[in-house]
C-alpha atoms as a PDB file:
ATOM      1  CA  MET A   1       6.408   5.796  -6.444  1.00  0.00           C
ATOM      2  CA  SER A   2       3.060   6.917  -4.883  1.00  0.00           C
ATOM      3  CA  ASP A   3       1.234   3.961  -6.340  1.00  0.00           C
ATOM      4  CA  LYS A   4       3.345   1.283  -4.582  1.00  0.00           C
ATOM      5  CA  LYS A   5       2.872  -0.343  -2.225  1.00  0.00           C
ATOM      6  CA  VAL A   6       4.973   0.644   1.119  1.00  0.00           C
ATOM      7  CA  LEU A   7       6.763  -2.243   2.681  1.00  0.00           C
ATOM      8  CA  LEU A   8       8.508   0.293   5.625  1.00  0.00           C
ATOM      9  CA  GLU A   9       7.575   2.963   7.309  1.00  0.00           C
ATOM     10  CA  ILE A  10       9.019   4.434   9.797  1.00  0.00           C
ATOM     11  CA  LYS A  11       7.092   7.162  12.176  1.00  0.00           C
ATOM     12  CA  ASP A  12       9.033   9.789  14.692  1.00  0.00           C
ATOM     13  CA  LEU A  13      11.952   6.817  15.061  1.00  0.00           C
ATOM     14  CA  THR A  14      14.022   7.990  18.208  1.00  0.00           C
ATOM     15  CA  LYS A  15      17.452   6.618  19.659  1.00  0.00           C
ATOM     16  CA  TYR A  16      18.491   7.964  22.369  1.00  0.00           C
ATOM     17  CA  PHE A  17      21.988   6.655  23.928  1.00  0.00           C
ATOM     18  CA  PRO A  18      23.027   7.160  28.197  1.00  0.00           C
ATOM     19  CA  VAL A  19      26.078   9.051  29.100  1.00  0.00           C
ATOM     20  CA  LYS A  20      27.897   7.532  32.047  1.00  0.00           C
ATOM     21  CA  ASN A  21      28.252  10.107  34.587  1.00  0.00           C
ATOM     22  CA  SER A  22      31.571  11.661  34.388  1.00  0.00           C
ATOM     23  CA  LEU A  23      33.543  15.440  34.530  1.00  0.00           C
ATOM     24  CA  LEU A  24      31.349  16.807  32.058  1.00  0.00           C
ATOM     25  CA  PHE A  25      28.300  14.985  32.169  1.00  0.00           C
ATOM     26  CA  LYS A  26      26.665  14.310  35.203  1.00  0.00           C
ATOM     27  CA  GLY A  27      23.103  13.354  35.767  1.00  0.00           C
ATOM     28  CA  ASN A  28      21.487  11.636  32.736  1.00  0.00           C
ATOM     29  CA  SER A  29      22.662  12.906  29.348  1.00  0.00           C
ATOM     30  CA  TYR A  30      21.624  11.014  26.428  1.00  0.00           C
ATOM     31  CA  VAL A  31      23.029  11.330  22.786  1.00  0.00           C
ATOM     32  CA  LYS A  32      20.488  11.738  20.399  1.00  0.00           C
ATOM     33  CA  ALA A  33      21.810   9.775  17.463  1.00  0.00           C
ATOM     34  CA  VAL A  34      18.241   9.637  16.256  1.00  0.00           C
ATOM     35  CA  ASP A  35      15.904  12.206  16.795  1.00  0.00           C
ATOM     36  CA  ARG A  36      12.028  11.452  15.155  1.00  0.00           C
ATOM     37  CA  VAL A  37      12.852  10.424  12.191  1.00  0.00           C
ATOM     38  CA  SER A  38      10.291   9.774   9.635  1.00  0.00           C
ATOM     39  CA  PHE A  39      10.048   7.718   6.375  1.00  0.00           C
ATOM     40  CA  THR A  40       8.232   5.361   4.086  1.00  0.00           C
ATOM     41  CA  ILE A  41      10.356   2.655   2.039  1.00  0.00           C
ATOM     42  CA  ASN A  42       8.113   1.382  -1.363  1.00  0.00           C
ATOM     43  CA  ARG A  43       7.915  -2.866  -2.256  1.00  0.00           C
ATOM     44  CA  GLY A  44      10.536  -2.951  -4.541  1.00  0.00           C
ATOM     45  CA  GLU A  45      12.428   0.655  -4.100  1.00  0.00           C
ATOM     46  CA  THR A  46      16.090   1.375  -2.963  1.00  0.00           C
ATOM     47  CA  LEU A  47      16.056   4.553  -0.273  1.00  0.00           C
ATOM     48  CA  GLY A  48      19.530   6.332  -0.297  1.00  0.00           C
ATOM     49  CA  LEU A  49      19.833   7.651   3.055  1.00  0.00           C
ATOM     50  CA  VAL A  50      23.000   9.988   3.405  1.00  0.00           C
ATOM     51  CA  GLY A  51      24.938  12.917   5.645  1.00  0.00           C
ATOM     52  CA  GLU A  52      28.260  13.053   7.465  1.00  0.00           C
ATOM     53  CA  SER A  53      29.345  10.709   9.657  1.00  0.00           C
ATOM     54  CA  GLY A  54      28.061  11.007  12.943  1.00  0.00           C
ATOM     55  CA  CYS A  55      24.978  12.140  11.209  1.00  0.00           C
ATOM     56  CA  GLY A  56      22.971   9.143  12.910  1.00  0.00           C
ATOM     57  CA  LYS A  57      22.281   6.953   9.460  1.00  0.00           C
ATOM     58  CA  THR A  58      23.711   3.999  10.180  1.00  0.00           C
ATOM     59  CA  THR A  59      22.162   3.319  14.298  1.00  0.00           C
ATOM     60  CA  THR A  60      18.679   4.067  11.951  1.00  0.00           C
ATOM     61  CA  GLY A  61      19.615   1.138  10.286  1.00  0.00           C
ATOM     62  CA  ARG A  62      20.440  -0.409  13.282  1.00  0.00           C
ATOM     63  CA  THR A  63      17.374   0.881  15.042  1.00  0.00           C
ATOM     64  CA  ILE A  64      15.293   0.015  12.242  1.00  0.00           C
ATOM     65  CA  ILE A  65      16.279  -4.303  12.381  1.00  0.00           C
ATOM     66  CA  LYS A  66      16.178  -3.666  16.279  1.00  0.00           C
ATOM     67  CA  LEU A  67      19.963  -4.227  16.550  1.00  0.00           C
ATOM     68  CA  TYR A  68      19.392  -1.447  18.510  1.00  0.00           C
ATOM     69  CA  GLU A  69      15.929  -1.043  20.729  1.00  0.00           C
ATOM     70  CA  PRO A  70      14.407   1.972  19.977  1.00  0.00           C
ATOM     71  CA  THR A  71      13.615   4.456  21.828  1.00  0.00           C
ATOM     72  CA  ALA A  72      10.036   5.998  20.974  1.00  0.00           C
ATOM     73  CA  GLY A  73       8.507   5.694  17.157  1.00  0.00           C
ATOM     74  CA  ASP A  74       7.124   3.157  14.970  1.00  0.00           C
ATOM     75  CA  ILE A  75       8.658   0.764  12.662  1.00  0.00           C
ATOM     76  CA  ILE A  76       5.728  -0.459  11.078  1.00  0.00           C
ATOM     77  CA  TYR A  77       6.593  -3.657   8.346  1.00  0.00           C
ATOM     78  CA  ASP A  78       4.288  -4.563   5.495  1.00  0.00           C
ATOM     79  CA  GLY A  79       1.264  -3.000   8.261  1.00  0.00           C
ATOM     80  CA  VAL A  80       2.586  -4.488  11.320  1.00  0.00           C
ATOM     81  CA  ASP A  81       4.251  -2.607  14.774  1.00  0.00           C
ATOM     82  CA  ILE A  82       7.653  -3.925  15.328  1.00  0.00           C
ATOM     83  CA  SER A  83       9.107  -1.774  17.632  1.00  0.00           C
ATOM     84  CA  LYS A  84       7.964  -3.411  20.901  1.00  0.00           C
ATOM     85  CA  TYR A  85       8.525  -6.707  19.618  1.00  0.00           C
ATOM     86  CA  SER A  86      10.705  -9.137  22.149  1.00  0.00           C
ATOM     87  CA  GLN A  87      13.738 -10.764  20.433  1.00  0.00           C
ATOM     88  CA  LYS A  88      12.032 -13.860  20.286  1.00  0.00           C
ATOM     89  CA  GLN A  89       8.927 -12.025  17.953  1.00  0.00           C
ATOM     90  CA  MET A  90      11.728 -10.854  16.150  1.00  0.00           C
ATOM     91  CA  LEU A  91      12.808 -14.077  14.999  1.00  0.00           C
ATOM     92  CA  ASP A  92      10.010 -14.336  11.515  1.00  0.00           C
ATOM     93  CA  TYR A  93      10.691 -10.830  10.696  1.00  0.00           C
ATOM     94  CA  ARG A  94      15.041 -12.179  10.762  1.00  0.00           C
ATOM     95  CA  ARG A  95      13.921 -13.604   7.935  1.00  0.00           C
ATOM     96  CA  LYS A  96      12.030 -10.676   5.922  1.00  0.00           C
ATOM     97  CA  MET A  97      14.673  -8.037   7.119  1.00  0.00           C
ATOM     98  CA  GLN A  98      18.112  -8.788   7.060  1.00  0.00           C
ATOM     99  CA  MET A  99      21.432  -6.546   7.462  1.00  0.00           C
ATOM    100  CA  ILE A 100      24.505  -6.165   4.781  1.00  0.00           C
ATOM    101  CA  PHE A 101      27.322  -4.342   7.459  1.00  0.00           C
ATOM    102  CA  GLN A 102      29.665  -2.329   6.254  1.00  0.00           C
ATOM    103  CA  ASP A 103      33.495  -3.755   7.222  1.00  0.00           C
ATOM    104  CA  PRO A 104      33.233  -7.166   5.380  1.00  0.00           C
ATOM    105  CA  TYR A 105      36.253  -8.346   8.108  1.00  0.00           C
ATOM    106  CA  ALA A 106      34.828  -7.492  11.693  1.00  0.00           C
ATOM    107  CA  SER A 107      31.782  -8.534  10.270  1.00  0.00           C
ATOM    108  CA  LEU A 108      32.637 -11.874   9.763  1.00  0.00           C
ATOM    109  CA  ASN A 109      33.886 -14.551  11.952  1.00  0.00           C
ATOM    110  CA  SER A 110      37.100 -15.352  11.242  1.00  0.00           C
ATOM    111  CA  ARG A 111      37.288 -18.954  13.373  1.00  0.00           C
ATOM    112  CA  MET A 112      33.898 -20.158  11.018  1.00  0.00           C
ATOM    113  CA  THR A 113      34.289 -21.454   6.664  1.00  0.00           C
ATOM    114  CA  VAL A 114      31.920 -19.512   4.233  1.00  0.00           C
ATOM    115  CA  GLY A 115      29.783 -22.427   4.712  1.00  0.00           C
ATOM    116  CA  ASP A 116      29.622 -22.035   8.232  1.00  0.00           C
ATOM    117  CA  ILE A 117      29.017 -18.239   7.921  1.00  0.00           C
ATOM    118  CA  ILE A 118      26.269 -18.499   5.300  1.00  0.00           C
ATOM    119  CA  GLY A 119      24.828 -21.473   6.788  1.00  0.00           C
ATOM    120  CA  GLU A 120      24.490 -20.311  10.192  1.00  0.00           C
ATOM    121  CA  ALA A 121      20.878 -18.907   9.483  1.00  0.00           C
ATOM    122  CA  ILE A 122      19.970 -21.857   7.396  1.00  0.00           C
ATOM    123  CA  ASP A 123      20.274 -24.068  10.668  1.00  0.00           C
ATOM    124  CA  ILE A 124      18.581 -21.383  12.759  1.00  0.00           C
ATOM    125  CA  HIS A 125      15.689 -20.891  10.641  1.00  0.00           C
ATOM    126  CA  GLY A 126      15.477 -24.446  10.022  1.00  0.00           C
ATOM    127  CA  LEU A 127      15.581 -24.290   5.964  1.00  0.00           C
ATOM    128  CA  ALA A 128      17.975 -27.252   4.925  1.00  0.00           C
ATOM    129  CA  LYS A 129      20.034 -29.595   6.037  1.00  0.00           C
ATOM    130  CA  GLY A 130      22.625 -31.673   4.968  1.00  0.00           C
ATOM    131  CA  LYS A 131      23.028 -31.852   0.895  1.00  0.00           C
ATOM    132  CA  GLU A 132      20.468 -29.519   0.358  1.00  0.00           C
ATOM    133  CA  ARG A 133      21.554 -27.274   3.227  1.00  0.00           C
ATOM    134  CA  MET A 134      25.105 -27.177   0.684  1.00  0.00           C
ATOM    135  CA  ASN A 135      23.184 -27.077  -2.084  1.00  0.00           C
ATOM    136  CA  LEU A 136      21.707 -23.941  -0.911  1.00  0.00           C
ATOM    137  CA  VAL A 137      25.165 -22.069   0.330  1.00  0.00           C
ATOM    138  CA  GLN A 138      26.758 -23.274  -2.858  1.00  0.00           C
ATOM    139  CA  ASP A 139      24.132 -22.212  -4.501  1.00  0.00           C
ATOM    140  CA  LEU A 140      24.358 -18.094  -3.011  1.00  0.00           C
ATOM    141  CA  LEU A 141      28.111 -18.291  -3.704  1.00  0.00           C
ATOM    142  CA  LYS A 142      27.576 -18.447  -7.427  1.00  0.00           C
ATOM    143  CA  LYS A 143      24.411 -16.325  -7.040  1.00  0.00           C
ATOM    144  CA  VAL A 144      27.287 -13.318  -5.732  1.00  0.00           C
ATOM    145  CA  GLY A 145      29.923 -14.644  -8.089  1.00  0.00           C
ATOM    146  CA  LEU A 146      32.421 -16.341  -5.900  1.00  0.00           C
ATOM    147  CA  ASN A 147      33.538 -19.687  -6.874  1.00  0.00           C
ATOM    148  CA  ARG A 148      31.135 -23.393  -4.863  1.00  0.00           C
ATOM    149  CA  ASP A 149      34.546 -24.481  -3.849  1.00  0.00           C
ATOM    150  CA  HIS A 150      35.183 -21.525  -1.330  1.00  0.00           C
ATOM    151  CA  ILE A 151      32.556 -23.054   1.180  1.00  0.00           C
ATOM    152  CA  ASN A 152      35.376 -24.460   3.139  1.00  0.00           C
ATOM    153  CA  ARG A 153      38.061 -21.535   3.060  1.00  0.00           C
ATOM    154  CA  TYR A 154      38.361 -18.746   6.019  1.00  0.00           C
ATOM    155  CA  PRO A 155      37.196 -15.038   5.789  1.00  0.00           C
ATOM    156  CA  HIS A 156      41.188 -14.092   6.196  1.00  0.00           C
ATOM    157  CA  GLU A 157      41.972 -16.189   2.370  1.00  0.00           C
ATOM    158  CA  PHE A 158      39.358 -13.707   0.495  1.00  0.00           C
ATOM    159  CA  SER A 159      40.159  -9.670  -0.751  1.00  0.00           C
ATOM    160  CA  GLY A 160      37.823  -6.905   1.014  1.00  0.00           C
ATOM    161  CA  GLY A 161      35.060  -7.276  -2.525  1.00  0.00           C
ATOM    162  CA  GLN A 162      35.216 -10.992  -2.016  1.00  0.00           C
ATOM    163  CA  ARG A 163      34.610 -11.044   1.662  1.00  0.00           C
ATOM    164  CA  GLN A 164      31.529  -8.718   0.791  1.00  0.00           C
ATOM    165  CA  ARG A 165      29.925 -10.421  -1.448  1.00  0.00           C
ATOM    166  CA  ILE A 166      30.123 -12.995   1.230  1.00  0.00           C
ATOM    167  CA  GLY A 167      29.031 -10.684   3.696  1.00  0.00           C
ATOM    168  CA  ILE A 168      26.145 -10.525   0.752  1.00  0.00           C
ATOM    169  CA  ALA A 169      25.258 -14.150   0.587  1.00  0.00           C
ATOM    170  CA  ARG A 170      24.524 -14.691   3.944  1.00  0.00           C
ATOM    171  CA  SER A 171      21.752 -11.679   4.027  1.00  0.00           C
ATOM    172  CA  LEU A 172      20.542 -13.623   0.873  1.00  0.00           C
ATOM    173  CA  ALA A 173      20.069 -17.166   2.588  1.00  0.00           C
ATOM    174  CA  VAL A 174      17.022 -16.867   4.354  1.00  0.00           C
ATOM    175  CA  GLN A 175      15.434 -15.385   1.816  1.00  0.00           C
ATOM    176  CA  PRO A 176      14.961 -11.880   2.482  1.00  0.00           C
ATOM    177  CA  GLU A 177      11.650  -8.975   1.241  1.00  0.00           C
ATOM    178  CA  PHE A 178      14.138  -6.545   2.803  1.00  0.00           C
ATOM    179  CA  ILE A 179      18.033  -5.551   3.525  1.00  0.00           C
ATOM    180  CA  ILE A 180      19.501  -2.442   4.504  1.00  0.00           C
ATOM    181  CA  CYS A 181      23.310  -1.961   3.114  1.00  0.00           C
ATOM    182  CA  ASP A 182      24.945   0.088   6.193  1.00  0.00           C
ATOM    183  CA  GLU A 183      28.184   1.441   3.440  1.00  0.00           C
ATOM    184  CA  PRO A 184      28.291  -1.466   2.128  1.00  0.00           C
ATOM    185  CA  ILE A 185      31.402  -0.379  -0.136  1.00  0.00           C
ATOM    186  CA  SER A 186      33.171   2.542   2.025  1.00  0.00           C
ATOM    187  CA  ALA A 187      35.832  -0.181   2.953  1.00  0.00           C
ATOM    188  CA  LEU A 188      36.138  -1.647  -0.797  1.00  0.00           C
ATOM    189  CA  ASP A 189      38.697  -0.373  -3.855  1.00  0.00           C
ATOM    190  CA  VAL A 190      37.285   2.297  -5.562  1.00  0.00           C
ATOM    191  CA  SER A 191      37.690  -0.642  -8.629  1.00  0.00           C
ATOM    192  CA  ILE A 192      35.507  -3.142  -6.763  1.00  0.00           C
ATOM    193  CA  GLN A 193      32.820  -0.544  -5.317  1.00  0.00           C
ATOM    194  CA  ALA A 194      30.676  -0.019  -9.004  1.00  0.00           C
ATOM    195  CA  GLN A 195      31.206  -4.521  -9.168  1.00  0.00           C
ATOM    196  CA  VAL A 196      29.458  -4.618  -5.848  1.00  0.00           C
ATOM    197  CA  VAL A 197      26.689  -1.431  -6.185  1.00  0.00           C
ATOM    198  CA  ASN A 198      25.531  -3.344  -9.957  1.00  0.00           C
ATOM    199  CA  MET A 199      25.994  -7.089  -8.207  1.00  0.00           C
ATOM    200  CA  LEU A 200      22.808  -5.144  -5.869  1.00  0.00           C
ATOM    201  CA  GLU A 201      21.113  -3.872  -8.148  1.00  0.00           C
ATOM    202  CA  ASP A 202      21.323  -7.424 -10.279  1.00  0.00           C
ATOM    203  CA  LEU A 203      19.961  -8.831  -7.018  1.00  0.00           C
ATOM    204  CA  GLN A 204      17.190  -6.807  -6.298  1.00  0.00           C
ATOM    205  CA  ASN A 205      15.491  -6.624  -9.919  1.00  0.00           C
ATOM    206  CA  ASP A 206      16.363 -10.904  -9.490  1.00  0.00           C
ATOM    207  CA  LEU A 207      14.063 -11.461  -6.333  1.00  0.00           C
ATOM    208  CA  GLY A 208      12.031  -8.795  -5.587  1.00  0.00           C
ATOM    209  CA  LEU A 209      13.934  -6.896  -3.013  1.00  0.00           C
ATOM    210  CA  THR A 210      13.792  -3.675  -1.120  1.00  0.00           C
ATOM    211  CA  TYR A 211      16.565  -1.999  -0.101  1.00  0.00           C
ATOM    212  CA  LEU A 212      17.565   1.081   2.561  1.00  0.00           C
ATOM    213  CA  PHE A 213      21.291   1.999   1.269  1.00  0.00           C
ATOM    214  CA  ILE A 214      23.832   3.629   3.551  1.00  0.00           C
ATOM    215  CA  ALA A 215      26.092   5.735   1.768  1.00  0.00           C
ATOM    216  CA  HIS A 216      28.059   8.584   2.202  1.00  0.00           C
ATOM    217  CA  ASP A 217      29.279   8.857  -1.551  1.00  0.00           C
ATOM    218  CA  LEU A 218      26.638  10.620  -2.622  1.00  0.00           C
ATOM    219  CA  SER A 219      27.668  10.098  -6.714  1.00  0.00           C
ATOM    220  CA  MET A 220      26.673   6.189  -5.628  1.00  0.00           C
ATOM    221  CA  VAL A 221      23.738   7.517  -3.929  1.00  0.00           C
ATOM    222  CA  LYS A 222      21.788   8.784  -6.644  1.00  0.00           C
ATOM    223  CA  HIS A 223      23.190   6.108  -9.313  1.00  0.00           C
ATOM    224  CA  ILE A 224      21.288   3.151  -7.012  1.00  0.00           C
ATOM    225  CA  SER A 225      18.727   5.077  -5.226  1.00  0.00           C
ATOM    226  CA  ASP A 226      14.912   5.544  -6.257  1.00  0.00           C
ATOM    227  CA  ARG A 227      14.872   8.396  -3.642  1.00  0.00           C
ATOM    228  CA  ILE A 228      17.197  10.348  -1.290  1.00  0.00           C
ATOM    229  CA  GLY A 229      16.860  11.418   2.764  1.00  0.00           C
ATOM    230  CA  VAL A 230      19.250  13.462   3.848  1.00  0.00           C
ATOM    231  CA  MET A 231      19.956  13.807   7.447  1.00  0.00           C
ATOM    232  CA  TYR A 232      21.956  16.028   9.570  1.00  0.00           C
ATOM    233  CA  LEU A 233      22.530  15.287  13.931  1.00  0.00           C
ATOM    234  CA  GLY A 234      19.616  12.924  13.775  1.00  0.00           C
ATOM    235  CA  ARG A 235      17.109  14.544  11.741  1.00  0.00           C
ATOM    236  CA  LEU A 236      15.950  14.024   8.507  1.00  0.00           C
ATOM    237  CA  VAL A 237      16.173  17.642   6.729  1.00  0.00           C
ATOM    238  CA  GLU A 238      15.414  16.309   3.364  1.00  0.00           C
ATOM    239  CA  ILE A 239      13.767  13.513   1.381  1.00  0.00           C
ATOM    240  CA  ALA A 240      12.752  13.421  -2.737  1.00  0.00           C
ATOM    241  CA  GLU A 241      13.331  11.315  -5.269  1.00  0.00           C
ATOM    242  CA  SER A 242      16.682  10.906  -6.635  1.00  0.00           C
ATOM    243  CA  ASN A 243      16.932  13.401 -10.403  1.00  0.00           C
ATOM    244  CA  GLU A 244      14.831  16.055  -8.135  1.00  0.00           C
ATOM    245  CA  LEU A 245      17.418  15.929  -4.947  1.00  0.00           C
ATOM    246  CA  TYR A 246      20.467  16.575  -6.845  1.00  0.00           C
ATOM    247  CA  SER A 247      18.879  18.737 -10.053  1.00  0.00           C
ATOM    248  CA  HIS A 248      17.238  20.603  -7.553  1.00  0.00           C
ATOM    249  CA  PRO A 249      17.992  20.691  -4.061  1.00  0.00           C
ATOM    250  CA  LEU A 250      16.166  22.949  -1.502  1.00  0.00           C
ATOM    251  CA  HIS A 251      17.883  22.776   2.144  1.00  0.00           C
ATOM    252  CA  PRO A 252      20.823  24.700   2.078  1.00  0.00           C
ATOM    253  CA  TYR A 253      22.580  21.345   4.065  1.00  0.00           C
ATOM    254  CA  THR A 254      22.151  19.556   1.250  1.00  0.00           C
ATOM    255  CA  GLN A 255      23.258  22.279  -1.230  1.00  0.00           C
ATOM    256  CA  ALA A 256      26.337  21.706   0.578  1.00  0.00           C
ATOM    257  CA  LEU A 257      26.900  18.260   0.289  1.00  0.00           C
ATOM    258  CA  LEU A 258      26.309  17.878  -3.428  1.00  0.00           C
ATOM    259  CA  SER A 259      28.875  20.817  -4.224  1.00  0.00           C
ATOM    260  CA  ALA A 260      31.053  18.880  -2.961  1.00  0.00           C
ATOM    261  CA  ILE A 261      30.739  15.701  -5.260  1.00  0.00           C
ATOM    262  CA  PRO A 262      33.944  15.685  -7.492  1.00  0.00           C
ATOM    263  CA  ILE A 263      33.712  15.719 -11.143  1.00  0.00           C
ATOM    264  CA  PRO A 264      36.175  14.851 -12.991  1.00  0.00           C
ATOM    265  CA  ASP A 265      35.994  17.601 -15.684  1.00  0.00           C
ATOM    266  CA  PRO A 266      38.829  19.427 -14.591  1.00  0.00           C
ATOM    267  CA  ASP A 267      37.311  22.958 -16.968  1.00  0.00           C
ATOM    268  CA  GLU A 268      33.198  21.842 -15.381  1.00  0.00           C
ATOM    269  CA  SER A 269      34.729  21.278 -11.990  1.00  0.00           C
ATOM    270  CA  ALA A 270      36.439  24.670 -11.653  1.00  0.00           C
ATOM    271  CA  ALA A 271      33.360  26.369 -13.207  1.00  0.00           C
ATOM    272  CA  LYS A 272      31.314  24.884 -10.619  1.00  0.00           C
ATOM    273  CA  ARG A 273      30.754  26.527  -6.612  1.00  0.00           C
ATOM    274  CA  ARG A 274      31.345  24.883  -3.956  1.00  0.00           C
ATOM    275  CA  ILE A 275      29.447  25.989  -1.178  1.00  0.00           C
ATOM    276  CA  VAL A 276      31.260  25.742   2.211  1.00  0.00           C
ATOM    277  CA  LEU A 277      30.221  25.577   5.523  1.00  0.00           C
ATOM    278  CA  GLU A 278      31.372  27.448   8.597  1.00  0.00           C
ATOM    279  CA  GLY A 279      31.035  26.829  12.498  1.00  0.00           C
ATOM    280  CA  GLU A 280      31.115  23.557  14.069  1.00  0.00           C
ATOM    281  CA  ILE A 281      28.755  20.131  14.460  1.00  0.00           C
ATOM    282  CA  PRO A 282      26.750  21.001  17.471  1.00  0.00           C
ATOM    283  CA  SER A 283      27.424  17.763  20.350  1.00  0.00           C
ATOM    284  CA  PRO A 284      24.270  15.273  19.657  1.00  0.00           C
ATOM    285  CA  ILE A 285      24.233  15.504  23.507  1.00  0.00           C
ATOM    286  CA  ASP A 286      23.481  18.602  23.691  1.00  0.00           C
ATOM    287  CA  PRO A 287      21.689  19.988  20.058  1.00  0.00           C
ATOM    288  CA  PRO A 288      20.919  23.625  20.493  1.00  0.00           C
ATOM    289  CA  PRO A 289      17.253  24.726  20.600  1.00  0.00           C
ATOM    290  CA  GLY A 290      15.385  24.868  17.372  1.00  0.00           C
ATOM    291  CA  CYS A 291      16.976  24.537  14.068  1.00  0.00           C
ATOM    292  CA  ARG A 292      20.224  22.173  14.228  1.00  0.00           C
ATOM    293  CA  PHE A 293      21.803  23.827  11.402  1.00  0.00           C
ATOM    294  CA  LYS A 294      21.169  26.944  12.436  1.00  0.00           C
ATOM    295  CA  GLY A 295      24.578  27.666  13.688  1.00  0.00           C
ATOM    296  CA  ARG A 296      26.251  26.273  10.046  1.00  0.00           C
ATOM    297  CA  CYS A 297      24.007  28.622   7.546  1.00  0.00           C
ATOM    298  CA  LYS A 298      23.891  31.487   6.061  1.00  0.00           C
ATOM    299  CA  TYR A 299      20.298  31.923   5.791  1.00  0.00           C
ATOM    300  CA  ALA A 300      19.173  31.629   9.217  1.00  0.00           C
ATOM    301  CA  LYS A 301      16.692  33.866  10.596  1.00  0.00           C
ATOM    302  CA  PRO A 302      15.037  34.277  14.207  1.00  0.00           C
ATOM    303  CA  ILE A 303      12.496  31.507  13.646  1.00  0.00           C
ATOM    304  CA  CYS A 304      15.171  29.401  13.328  1.00  0.00           C
ATOM    305  CA  ASN A 305      16.090  29.760  17.216  1.00  0.00           C
ATOM    306  CA  GLU A 306      12.665  29.449  17.749  1.00  0.00           C
ATOM    307  CA  GLN A 307      10.980  26.333  15.955  1.00  0.00           C
ATOM    308  CA  ASP A 308      12.397  22.846  14.693  1.00  0.00           C
ATOM    309  CA  PRO A 309      11.379  23.025  11.817  1.00  0.00           C
ATOM    310  CA  GLU A 310       9.555  20.203  10.643  1.00  0.00           C
ATOM    311  CA  LEU A 311       9.472  17.957   6.951  1.00  0.00           C
ATOM    312  CA  LYS A 312       6.779  19.991   4.759  1.00  0.00           C
ATOM    313  CA  GLN A 313       5.678  18.961   1.077  1.00  0.00           C
ATOM    314  CA  MET A 314       7.340  21.628  -1.579  1.00  0.00           C
ATOM    315  CA  GLY A 315       6.750  19.176  -4.753  1.00  0.00           C
ATOM    316  CA  LYS A 316       6.209  15.775  -5.930  1.00  0.00           C
ATOM    317  CA  ASP A 317       7.829  13.213  -3.541  1.00  0.00           C
ATOM    318  CA  HIS A 318      10.122  16.218  -1.873  1.00  0.00           C
ATOM    319  CA  PHE A 319       9.689  17.315   1.278  1.00  0.00           C
ATOM    320  CA  VAL A 320      12.533  19.359   3.170  1.00  0.00           C
ATOM    321  CA  ALA A 321      12.539  20.301   6.912  1.00  0.00           C
ATOM    322  CA  CYS A 322      13.989  24.121   6.415  1.00  0.00           C
ATOM    323  CA  HIS A 323      12.079  27.807   7.899  1.00  0.00           C
ATOM    324  CA  LEU A 324      13.058  29.069   4.608  1.00  0.00           C
ATOM    325  CA  TYR A 325      10.568  27.343   2.720  1.00  0.00           C
END
């Protein structure tokens, strides 16, 4: 992937949320949701981001697109650092960067028609008016597999899969280059998930899109991603090309995640060794010094208590943050 042009570069991205004073937390306390995360995404590729619930992957996506203001770090989009841009300065970048949200119902305004939901961004950016706007919205509906006459209906009249298609059409309305897919299939029936993922792949090929695909379904992430990053408690612990990560996981946490993927063949499933992690996930308000995974890692060494491991290269495009290497 190194010969491709980098579209997005994230350097030490950090997002802390202040915690209000209470009986448990007094003074200046913060939830360290994302802590010094760095990676790149090449133009036209899909980077998958996986990890347990609460690991910070969704916050990472929302901070990149500046729905959350970053606490620290750089967000370099196509060579320009936008991390400190105001909302007014971000307006042009809203056309280039879009987001598909996890809940296809909560993310759609129930009092607006499908035509107005999809057309709202078109109006904001002044891309089309009148009949041209209507034709553009109808073409977007067709592109995501819906009927053109759905334009005057409301979100409650659609199934979950159809609502997610509406959300995808909305993200495409301003002709973006980069889309953050925040668990876009987790709220859908299993029978619909593959259809939506295949559609995203077709749209990527047709429109030249670049994706950050956030999910916890490891099998689906492997299917759609060129590279995969693994997050744990706000930190990126491993990143590699998809096949390389699944064939040769290095970080003990990655190994445990992959061992939990269900296998449909009963014999293979019975023979597979499941890695069960013991211990509890530390609090993101007061993470332990050194390696954050040490309390659940059977390979922990004294240095794990003292130093927070940094990402180091272990092979072509394969990086891991672990003192075992």
